[in-house]
C-alpha atoms as a PDB file:
ATOM      1  CA  MET A   1      42.914 -31.514 -17.876  1.00  0.00           C
ATOM      2  CA  ALA A   2      43.499 -30.336 -13.480  1.00  0.00           C
ATOM      3  CA  MET A   3      44.359 -27.048 -15.450  1.00  0.00           C
ATOM      4  CA  ALA A   4      41.042 -26.816 -16.943  1.00  0.00           C
ATOM      5  CA  ILE A   5      39.137 -27.530 -13.765  1.00  0.00           C
ATOM      6  CA  TYR A   6      40.757 -25.503 -11.588  1.00  0.00           C
ATOM      7  CA  LEU A   7      40.605 -22.158 -14.112  1.00  0.00           C
ATOM      8  CA  LEU A   8      36.976 -23.645 -14.899  1.00  0.00           C
ATOM      9  CA  GLN A   9      36.306 -23.341 -10.816  1.00  0.00           C
ATOM     10  CA  VAL A  10      38.282 -19.705 -10.605  1.00  0.00           C
ATOM     11  CA  ILE A  11      35.489 -18.614 -13.386  1.00  0.00           C
ATOM     12  CA  GLN A  12      32.829 -20.094 -11.386  1.00  0.00           C
ATOM     13  CA  GLU A  13      33.877 -18.172  -8.297  1.00  0.00           C
ATOM     14  CA  ARG A  14      33.861 -14.956  -9.808  1.00  0.00           C
ATOM     15  CA  PHE A  15      30.692 -15.507 -11.572  1.00  0.00           C
ATOM     16  CA  ILE A  16      29.045 -15.809  -8.341  1.00  0.00           C
ATOM     17  CA  PHE A  17      30.796 -12.883  -6.721  1.00  0.00           C
ATOM     18  CA  ILE A  18      29.884 -10.778  -9.415  1.00  0.00           C
ATOM     19  CA  LEU A  19      26.252 -11.880  -9.518  1.00  0.00           C
ATOM     20  CA  SER A  20      26.303 -11.164  -5.565  1.00  0.00           C
ATOM     21  CA  LYS A  21      27.164  -7.813  -5.950  1.00  0.00           C
ATOM     22  CA  ILE A  22      25.098  -7.224  -8.920  1.00  0.00           C
ATOM     23  CA  LYS A  23      22.088  -8.863  -6.548  1.00  0.00           C
ATOM     24  CA  LYS A  24      22.911  -6.376  -3.883  1.00  0.00           C
ATOM     25  CA  LYS A  25      23.017  -3.054  -6.225  1.00  0.00           C
ATOM     26  CA  VAL A  26      19.422  -4.511  -7.349  1.00  0.00           C
ATOM     27  CA  MET A  27      18.484  -5.260  -4.147  1.00  0.00           C
ATOM     28  CA  GLY A  28      19.403  -1.868  -3.010  1.00  0.00           C
ATOM     29  CA  LEU A  29      17.810  -0.222  -6.008  1.00  0.00           C
ATOM     30  CA  LEU A  30      14.552  -1.881  -5.497  1.00  0.00           C
ATOM     31  CA  ASP A  31      14.325  -1.092  -1.478  1.00  0.00           C
ATOM     32  CA  GLN A  32      15.058   3.045  -3.049  1.00  0.00           C
ATOM     33  CA  VAL A  33      11.977   2.317  -4.965  1.00  0.00           C
ATOM     34  CA  ASN A  34      10.033   0.805  -2.472  1.00  0.00           C
ATOM     35  CA  LYS A  35      11.043   3.441   0.176  1.00  0.00           C
ATOM     36  CA  ASN A  36       9.689   6.155  -2.639  1.00  0.00           C
ATOM     37  CA  LYS A  37       6.026   5.017  -2.611  1.00  0.00           C
ATOM     38  CA  ILE A  38       6.211   4.896   0.824  1.00  0.00           C
ATOM     39  CA  ILE A  39       6.602   8.461   0.841  1.00  0.00           C
ATOM     40  CA  GLU A  40       4.698   9.464  -1.726  1.00  0.00           C
ATOM     41  CA  ASN A  41       1.454   7.669  -0.077  1.00  0.00           C
ATOM     42  CA  SER A  42       2.355   8.834   3.056  1.00  0.00           C
ATOM     43  CA  ASN A  43      -0.321  11.719   3.090  1.00  0.00           C
ATOM     44  CA  GLU A  44      -2.830   9.288   3.122  1.00  0.00           C
ATOM     45  CA  VAL A  45      -4.254   7.511   6.516  1.00  0.00           C
ATOM     46  CA  LYS A  46      -6.083   4.142   6.831  1.00  0.00           C
ATOM     47  CA  VAL A  47      -8.780   4.273   9.727  1.00  0.00           C
ATOM     48  CA  SER A  48     -11.054   1.480  10.776  1.00  0.00           C
ATOM     49  CA  LEU A  49     -14.544   2.268  11.565  1.00  0.00           C
ATOM     50  CA  THR A  50     -17.102  -0.210  13.201  1.00  0.00           C
ATOM     51  CA  LYS A  51     -20.208  -0.475  11.156  1.00  0.00           C
ATOM     52  CA  GLN A  52     -22.282   1.960  14.507  1.00  0.00           C
ATOM     53  CA  GLU A  53     -19.322   4.564  13.829  1.00  0.00           C
ATOM     54  CA  LEU A  54     -20.052   4.313  10.463  1.00  0.00           C
ATOM     55  CA  GLU A  55     -23.555   5.018  11.249  1.00  0.00           C
ATOM     56  CA  VAL A  56     -23.422   8.086  13.159  1.00  0.00           C
ATOM     57  CA  ILE A  57     -20.960  10.080  11.268  1.00  0.00           C
ATOM     58  CA  LEU A  58     -23.077   9.560   8.040  1.00  0.00           C
ATOM     59  CA  GLY A  59     -26.121   9.882  10.428  1.00  0.00           C
ATOM     60  CA  THR A  60     -24.721  13.569  10.962  1.00  0.00           C
ATOM     61  CA  LEU A  61     -23.735  14.587   8.054  1.00  0.00           C
ATOM     62  CA  LYS A  62     -27.056  13.870   6.701  1.00  0.00           C
ATOM     63  CA  ASN A  63     -28.272  16.081   8.933  1.00  0.00           C
ATOM     64  CA  SER A  64     -25.762  18.604   8.772  1.00  0.00           C
ATOM     65  CA  ASN A  65     -25.287  22.322   6.224  1.00  0.00           C
ATOM     66  CA  PHE A  66     -22.393  22.518   3.908  1.00  0.00           C
ATOM     67  CA  LYS A  67     -20.911  25.357   2.312  1.00  0.00           C
ATOM     68  CA  GLY A  68     -20.410  24.758  -1.690  1.00  0.00           C
ATOM     69  CA  GLU A  69     -16.662  24.993  -1.134  1.00  0.00           C
ATOM     70  CA  VAL A  70     -16.647  21.866   0.638  1.00  0.00           C
ATOM     71  CA  VAL A  71     -19.306  19.962  -0.951  1.00  0.00           C
ATOM     72  CA  GLU A  72     -17.345  17.921  -3.624  1.00  0.00           C
ATOM     73  CA  VAL A  73     -14.721  17.093  -0.693  1.00  0.00           C
ATOM     74  CA  LEU A  74     -17.729  16.165   1.495  1.00  0.00           C
ATOM     75  CA  TYR A  75     -19.313  14.341  -1.620  1.00  0.00           C
ATOM     76  CA  ASN A  76     -16.327  11.929  -2.122  1.00  0.00           C
ATOM     77  CA  LEU A  77     -15.747  11.701   1.869  1.00  0.00           C
ATOM     78  CA  VAL A  78     -18.974   9.977   2.303  1.00  0.00           C
ATOM     79  CA  LEU A  79     -18.756   7.802  -0.766  1.00  0.00           C
ATOM     80  CA  LYS A  80     -15.681   6.291   1.078  1.00  0.00           C
ATOM     81  CA  MET A  81     -17.532   6.150   4.049  1.00  0.00           C
ATOM     82  CA  GLN A  82     -20.911   4.499   2.520  1.00  0.00           C
ATOM     83  CA  ASN A  83     -18.985   2.274   0.715  1.00  0.00           C
ATOM     84  CA  SER A  84     -17.091   0.842   3.501  1.00  0.00           C
ATOM     85  CA  TYR A  85     -20.445   0.530   5.361  1.00  0.00           C
ATOM     86  CA  LEU A  86     -22.260  -1.229   2.841  1.00  0.00           C
ATOM     87  CA  SER A  87     -19.345  -3.707   2.679  1.00  0.00           C
ATOM     88  CA  PHE A  88     -20.350  -5.317   6.205  1.00  0.00           C
ATOM     89  CA  PRO A  89     -22.537  -8.379   6.018  1.00  0.00           C
ATOM     90  CA  PRO A  90     -26.151  -7.274   6.545  1.00  0.00           C
ATOM     91  CA  GLU A  91     -27.879  -7.886   9.580  1.00  0.00           C
ATOM     92  CA  ASN A  92     -30.501 -10.053   9.642  1.00  0.00           C
ATOM     93  CA  ASP A  93     -33.471  -8.831  11.963  1.00  0.00           C
ATOM     94  CA  LYS A  94     -35.142 -11.275  14.004  1.00  0.00           C
END
């Protein structure tokens, strides 16, 4: 009986050891995947602008002329800025 308990303890210790090795491998792989995601998105920059700053930029763009080759890119940029501007809570005019 004592031998059986001893064998079960040895098996349990080895099982825990193997699980810890597997966990380290999985965590390493997850870390590599996350690093690759960061590298893939590194060409995107997050910028925080105030409502007033967005008003100035959008107003300036509204009164400007642009060549045809940049119109589509500019349209998408203005759309993003407009959505950011509209996300601000409305001001109460008193």
